[in-house]
Structure formats: structure tokens, C-alpha cells
PDB file of N, CA and C in Angstrom:
ATOM      1  N   MET A   1     -99.963-226.281 -38.621  1.00  0.00           N
ATOM      2  CA  MET A   1     -99.458-227.289 -37.692  1.00  0.00           C
ATOM      3  C   MET A   1     -99.275-226.715 -36.299  1.00  0.00           C
ATOM      4  N   GLU A   2     -99.718-225.504 -36.087  1.00  0.00           N
ATOM      5  CA  GLU A   2     -99.610-224.861 -34.773  1.00  0.00           C
ATOM      6  C   GLU A   2     -98.160-224.707 -34.332  1.00  0.00           C
ATOM      7  N   TRP A   3     -97.302-224.213 -35.221  1.00  0.00           N
ATOM      8  CA  TRP A   3     -95.897-224.035 -34.889  1.00  0.00           C
ATOM      9  C   TRP A   3     -95.502-222.578 -34.747  1.00  0.00           C
ATOM     10  N   ASP A   4     -96.197-221.690 -35.402  1.00  0.00           N
ATOM     11  CA  ASP A   4     -95.835-220.273 -35.389  1.00  0.00           C
ATOM     12  C   ASP A   4     -97.003-219.432 -34.891  1.00  0.00           C
ATOM     13  N   TYR A   5     -96.697-218.484 -34.011  1.00  0.00           N
ATOM     14  CA  TYR A   5     -97.718-217.619 -33.428  1.00  0.00           C
ATOM     15  C   TYR A   5     -97.215-216.182 -33.415  1.00  0.00           C
ATOM     16  N   SER A   6     -98.134-215.254 -33.468  1.00  0.00           N
ATOM     17  CA  SER A   6     -97.820-213.836 -33.275  1.00  0.00           C
ATOM     18  C   SER A   6     -98.759-213.298 -32.210  1.00  0.00           C
ATOM     19  N   ILE A   7     -98.216-212.513 -31.306  1.00  0.00           N
ATOM     20  CA  ILE A   7     -99.028-211.827 -30.301  1.00  0.00           C
ATOM     21  C   ILE A   7     -99.138-210.377 -30.753  1.00  0.00           C
ATOM     22  N   LEU A   8    -100.369-209.915 -30.928  1.00  0.00           N
ATOM     23  CA  LEU A   8    -100.624-208.556 -31.396  1.00  0.00           C
ATOM     24  C   LEU A   8    -101.349-207.762 -30.322  1.00  0.00           C
ATOM     25  N   ASP A   9    -101.100-206.460 -30.283  1.00  0.00           N
ATOM     26  CA  ASP A   9    -101.873-205.624 -29.375  1.00  0.00           C
ATOM     27  C   ASP A   9    -103.182-205.227 -30.065  1.00  0.00           C
ATOM     28  N   ARG A  10    -103.977-204.440 -29.410  1.00  0.00           N
ATOM     29  CA  ARG A  10    -105.299-204.077 -29.943  1.00  0.00           C
ATOM     30  C   ARG A  10    -105.239-203.327 -31.262  1.00  0.00           C
ATOM     31  N   SER A  11    -104.155-202.627 -31.517  1.00  0.00           N
ATOM     32  CA  SER A  11    -104.034-201.874 -32.772  1.00  0.00           C
ATOM     33  C   SER A  11    -103.379-202.694 -33.877  1.00  0.00           C
ATOM     34  N   GLY A  12    -103.048-203.951 -33.603  1.00  0.00           N
ATOM     35  CA  GLY A  12    -102.463-204.829 -34.606  1.00  0.00           C
ATOM     36  C   GLY A  12    -100.952-204.827 -34.644  1.00  0.00           C
ATOM     37  N   TYR A  13    -100.308-204.092 -33.717  1.00  0.00           N
ATOM     38  CA  TYR A  13     -98.842-204.055 -33.636  1.00  0.00           C
ATOM     39  C   TYR A  13     -98.339-205.369 -33.050  1.00  0.00           C
ATOM     40  N   GLN A  14     -97.323-205.958 -33.686  1.00  0.00           N
ATOM     41  CA  GLN A  14     -96.778-207.223 -33.218  1.00  0.00           C
ATOM     42  C   GLN A  14     -95.943-207.020 -31.960  1.00  0.00           C
ATOM     43  N   ILE A  15     -96.367-207.660 -30.872  1.00  0.00           N
ATOM     44  CA  ILE A  15     -95.661-207.591 -29.604  1.00  0.00           C
ATOM     45  C   ILE A  15     -94.577-208.660 -29.544  1.00  0.00           C
ATOM     46  N   ALA A  16     -94.912-209.857 -30.034  1.00  0.00           N
ATOM     47  CA  ALA A  16     -93.956-210.965 -30.001  1.00  0.00           C
ATOM     48  C   ALA A  16     -94.273-211.952 -31.110  1.00  0.00           C
ATOM     49  N   LYS A  17     -93.238-212.669 -31.525  1.00  0.00           N
ATOM     50  CA  LYS A  17     -93.390-213.738 -32.505  1.00  0.00           C
ATOM     51  C   LYS A  17     -92.831-214.999 -31.882  1.00  0.00           C
ATOM     52  N   ILE A  18     -93.593-216.076 -31.939  1.00  0.00           N
ATOM     53  CA  ILE A  18     -93.188-217.338 -31.347  1.00  0.00           C
ATOM     54  C   ILE A  18     -93.139-218.378 -32.455  1.00  0.00           C
ATOM     55  N   SER A  19     -92.048-219.122 -32.522  1.00  0.00           N
ATOM     56  CA  SER A  19     -91.953-220.179 -33.516  1.00  0.00           C
ATOM     57  C   SER A  19     -91.342-221.415 -32.866  1.00  0.00           C
ATOM     58  N   LYS A  20     -91.774-222.547 -33.353  1.00  0.00           N
ATOM     59  CA  LYS A  20     -91.285-223.818 -32.818  1.00  0.00           C
ATOM     60  C   LYS A  20     -90.117-224.284 -33.673  1.00  0.00           C
ATOM     61  N   GLU A  21     -89.019-224.669 -33.010  1.00  0.00           N
ATOM     62  CA  GLU A  21     -87.872-225.217 -33.729  1.00  0.00           C
ATOM     63  C   GLU A  21     -88.146-226.676 -34.049  1.00  0.00           C
ATOM     64  N   LEU A  22     -87.863-227.036 -35.259  1.00  0.00           N
ATOM     65  CA  LEU A  22     -88.098-228.406 -35.699  1.00  0.00           C
ATOM     66  C   LEU A  22     -86.866-229.269 -35.457  1.00  0.00           C
ATOM     67  N   LEU A  23     -87.085-230.568 -35.532  1.00  0.00           N
ATOM     68  CA  LEU A  23     -86.009-231.561 -35.404  1.00  0.00           C
ATOM     69  C   LEU A  23     -85.303-231.494 -34.058  1.00  0.00           C
ATOM     70  N   ARG A  24     -86.068-231.330 -33.005  1.00  0.00           N
ATOM     71  CA  ARG A  24     -85.548-231.335 -31.632  1.00  0.00           C
ATOM     72  C   ARG A  24     -86.167-232.519 -30.888  1.00  0.00           C
ATOM     73  N   MET A  25     -85.484-233.010 -29.883  1.00  0.00           N
ATOM     74  CA  MET A  25     -86.007-234.128 -29.082  1.00  0.00           C
ATOM     75  C   MET A  25     -87.190-233.691 -28.228  1.00  0.00           C
ATOM     76  N   THR A  26     -87.211-232.437 -27.821  1.00  0.00           N
ATOM     77  CA  THR A  26     -88.310-231.902 -27.022  1.00  0.00           C
ATOM     78  C   THR A  26     -88.877-230.685 -27.733  1.00  0.00           C
ATOM     79  N   ASP A  27     -90.027-230.211 -27.276  1.00  0.00           N
ATOM     80  CA  ASP A  27     -90.608-228.999 -27.847  1.00  0.00           C
ATOM     81  C   ASP A  27     -89.723-227.810 -27.474  1.00  0.00           C
ATOM     82  N   THR A  28     -89.239-227.102 -28.467  1.00  0.00           N
ATOM     83  CA  THR A  28     -88.382-225.941 -28.268  1.00  0.00           C
ATOM     84  C   THR A  28     -88.967-224.778 -29.047  1.00  0.00           C
ATOM     85  N   TYR A  29     -89.206-223.676 -28.353  1.00  0.00           N
ATOM     86  CA  TYR A  29     -89.791-222.495 -28.980  1.00  0.00           C
ATOM     87  C   TYR A  29     -88.807-221.337 -28.938  1.00  0.00           C
ATOM     88  N   VAL A  30     -88.831-220.522 -29.987  1.00  0.00           N
ATOM     89  CA  VAL A  30     -88.052-219.289 -30.042  1.00  0.00           C
ATOM     90  C   VAL A  30     -89.040-218.149 -29.836  1.00  0.00           C
ATOM     91  N   ILE A  31     -88.733-217.275 -28.882  1.00  0.00           N
ATOM     92  CA  ILE A  31     -89.607-216.139 -28.573  1.00  0.00           C
ATOM     93  C   ILE A  31     -88.863-214.864 -28.943  1.00  0.00           C
ATOM     94  N   ASP A  32     -89.386-214.155 -29.928  1.00  0.00           N
ATOM     95  CA  ASP A  32     -88.798-212.889 -30.358  1.00  0.00           C
ATOM     96  C   ASP A  32     -89.716-211.770 -29.887  1.00  0.00           C
ATOM     97  N   VAL A  33     -89.252-211.005 -28.886  1.00  0.00           N
ATOM     98  CA  VAL A  33     -90.061-209.954 -28.269  1.00  0.00           C
ATOM     99  C   VAL A  33     -89.525-208.589 -28.699  1.00  0.00           C
ATOM    100  N   GLN A  34     -90.419-207.721 -29.156  1.00  0.00           N
ATOM    101  CA  GLN A  34     -90.008-206.398 -29.616  1.00  0.00           C
ATOM    102  C   GLN A  34     -89.573-205.499 -28.458  1.00  0.00           C
ATOM    103  N   ASP A  35     -90.319-205.536 -27.355  1.00  0.00           N
ATOM    104  CA  ASP A  35     -90.050-204.691 -26.189  1.00  0.00           C
ATOM    105  C   ASP A  35     -89.807-205.604 -24.984  1.00  0.00           C
ATOM    106  N   PRO A  36     -88.646-205.522 -24.343  1.00  0.00           N
ATOM    107  CA  PRO A  36     -88.344-206.408 -23.208  1.00  0.00           C
ATOM    108  C   PRO A  36     -89.392-206.377 -22.092  1.00  0.00           C
ATOM    109  N   GLU A  37     -90.146-205.291 -21.987  1.00  0.00           N
ATOM    110  CA  GLU A  37     -91.190-205.229 -20.963  1.00  0.00           C
ATOM    111  C   GLU A  37     -92.281-206.267 -21.203  1.00  0.00           C
ATOM    112  N   ASN A  38     -92.407-206.781 -22.424  1.00  0.00           N
ATOM    113  CA  ASN A  38     -93.438-207.769 -22.762  1.00  0.00           C
ATOM    114  C   ASN A  38     -92.916-209.200 -22.712  1.00  0.00           C
ATOM    115  N   ALA A  39     -91.665-209.387 -22.329  1.00  0.00           N
ATOM    116  CA  ALA A  39     -91.054-210.717 -22.361  1.00  0.00           C
ATOM    117  C   ALA A  39     -91.773-211.711 -21.449  1.00  0.00           C
ATOM    118  N   LEU A  40     -92.117-211.309 -20.246  1.00  0.00           N
ATOM    119  CA  LEU A  40     -92.788-212.227 -19.319  1.00  0.00           C
ATOM    120  C   LEU A  40     -94.158-212.626 -19.847  1.00  0.00           C
ATOM    121  N   ASP A  41     -94.901-211.683 -20.403  1.00  0.00           N
ATOM    122  CA  ASP A  41     -96.213-212.000 -20.972  1.00  0.00           C
ATOM    123  C   ASP A  41     -96.081-212.997 -22.125  1.00  0.00           C
ATOM    124  N   ALA A  42     -95.079-212.806 -22.984  1.00  0.00           N
ATOM    125  CA  ALA A  42     -94.859-213.717 -24.107  1.00  0.00           C
ATOM    126  C   ALA A  42     -94.488-215.111 -23.602  1.00  0.00           C
ATOM    127  N   LEU A  43     -93.654-215.185 -22.581  1.00  0.00           N
ATOM    128  CA  LEU A  43     -93.275-216.469 -22.006  1.00  0.00           C
ATOM    129  C   LEU A  43     -94.491-217.186 -21.427  1.00  0.00           C
ATOM    130  N   MET A  44     -95.333-216.474 -20.722  1.00  0.00           N
ATOM    131  CA  MET A  44     -96.554-217.081 -20.162  1.00  0.00           C
ATOM    132  C   MET A  44     -97.461-217.600 -21.272  1.00  0.00           C
ATOM    133  N   PHE A  45     -97.531-216.878 -22.388  1.00  0.00           N
ATOM    134  CA  PHE A  45     -98.326-217.311 -23.531  1.00  0.00           C
ATOM    135  C   PHE A  45     -97.797-218.641 -24.070  1.00  0.00           C
ATOM    136  N   VAL A  46     -96.477-218.742 -24.230  1.00  0.00           N
ATOM    137  CA  VAL A  46     -95.879-219.972 -24.742  1.00  0.00           C
ATOM    138  C   VAL A  46     -96.104-221.130 -23.774  1.00  0.00           C
ATOM    139  N   LEU A  47     -95.973-220.882 -22.495  1.00  0.00           N
ATOM    140  CA  LEU A  47     -96.213-221.930 -21.506  1.00  0.00           C
ATOM    141  C   LEU A  47     -97.666-222.411 -21.545  1.00  0.00           C
ATOM    142  N   ALA A  48     -98.591-221.484 -21.757  1.00  0.00           N
ATOM    143  CA  ALA A  48    -100.009-221.861 -21.870  1.00  0.00           C
ATOM    144  C   ALA A  48    -100.254-222.717 -23.115  1.00  0.00           C
ATOM    145  N   ILE A  49     -99.623-222.357 -24.223  1.00  0.00           N
ATOM    146  CA  ILE A  49     -99.746-223.164 -25.449  1.00  0.00           C
ATOM    147  C   ILE A  49     -99.215-224.558 -25.219  1.00  0.00           C
ATOM    148  N   ASP A  50     -98.027-224.665 -24.624  1.00  0.00           N
ATOM    149  CA  ASP A  50     -97.413-225.956 -24.379  1.00  0.00           C
ATOM    150  C   ASP A  50     -98.241-226.807 -23.427  1.00  0.00           C
ATOM    151  N   ALA A  51     -98.776-226.191 -22.386  1.00  0.00           N
ATOM    152  CA  ALA A  51     -99.611-226.934 -21.425  1.00  0.00           C
ATOM    153  C   ALA A  51    -100.879-227.449 -22.084  1.00  0.00           C
ATOM    154  N   GLU A  52    -101.481-226.646 -22.931  1.00  0.00           N
ATOM    155  CA  GLU A  52    -102.703-227.069 -23.629  1.00  0.00           C
ATOM    156  C   GLU A  52    -102.398-228.233 -24.565  1.00  0.00           C
ATOM    157  N   LYS A  53    -101.283-228.169 -25.273  1.00  0.00           N
ATOM    158  CA  LYS A  53    -100.910-229.254 -26.180  1.00  0.00           C
ATOM    159  C   LYS A  53    -100.612-230.543 -25.410  1.00  0.00           C
ATOM    160  N   CYS A  54     -99.966-230.415 -24.256  1.00  0.00           N
ATOM    161  CA  CYS A  54     -99.662-231.597 -23.436  1.00  0.00           C
ATOM    162  C   CYS A  54    -100.928-232.227 -22.879  1.00  0.00           C
ATOM    163  N   SER A  55    -101.937-231.426 -22.611  1.00  0.00           N
ATOM    164  CA  SER A  55    -103.185-231.962 -22.047  1.00  0.00           C
ATOM    165  C   SER A  55    -103.981-232.734 -23.081  1.00  0.00           C
ATOM    166  N   ARG A  56    -103.675-232.571 -24.352  1.00  0.00           N
ATOM    167  CA  ARG A  56    -104.372-233.332 -25.407  1.00  0.00           C
ATOM    168  C   ARG A  56    -103.985-234.807 -25.395  1.00  0.00           C
ATOM    169  N   ASN A  57    -102.786-235.091 -24.902  1.00  0.00           N
ATOM    170  CA  ASN A  57    -102.282-236.482 -24.963  1.00  0.00           C
ATOM    171  C   ASN A  57    -102.752-237.294 -23.807  1.00  0.00           C
TER     172      ASN A  57
END
């Protein structure tokens, strides 16, 4: 259902895990980042996913 995502680096190490919270009035995502230095990249990834989903409608 396109609710859960993992961002992996080239060696397969998980950089971030993104999951969508259910039963919310709006789309709400939880971003779990292993290293704070990757937080902005993970946020941009989630924003890109949300923008792509919004463009479908």
C-alpha cells in the first residue's frame, strides 16, 4: 500500500525508515533516522514521495 519505506546506502545499511501513520485526517509520516546527519536527506525523500502521490490525484 506504499506506507513503509527504507532508505539504504550502497552497502545495504539502513539509513532511515519511513512509515505512514494510519487513521489520521492528513498524511502523517514517522521518520526514524539512524544518524542525524542524514535527517535532511530523509525528509526530502518523504516530501518527494508525498508530492508524487499528490500529483496522482
